[in-house]
């Protein structure tokens, strides 16, 4: 097997295992942010001031991302779980994109960063 094929196998293994672990961890619960996301999104979509909660401490663009994700077709779940799955999926795609860039720029040695829960943006830990 040539080096490129072997590197691709490692790359896909890391991605598959990383995504599997993230899905498994996401089934264990969530933190303070996810209920807040639901509150902010509902207020924003109703034209109300979402800063009034005193809980919104994110960049202003995040509320637009949340509203966009919430507008995507649902998985026939309640509105909280549906938004949570969409946010987790979106942030996973961002993490994969970052992983691929780091892999290309710095080598496969950065693959371990894909497993580090403190570096991902999910907030499960």
Foldseek 3Di string as FASTA:
>chain_A
DDPVVVVVVVLVVLLVVLVVVLVVLVVVDADPVLVLLVQLQVCVVVVHDSCVVVPDDDPPVVSVVLNVLLPPDFPPDPSSVRSLVSVSVVQSVVLSVVQVVCCVPPNPVCSVVSNDPVPGDRRSD
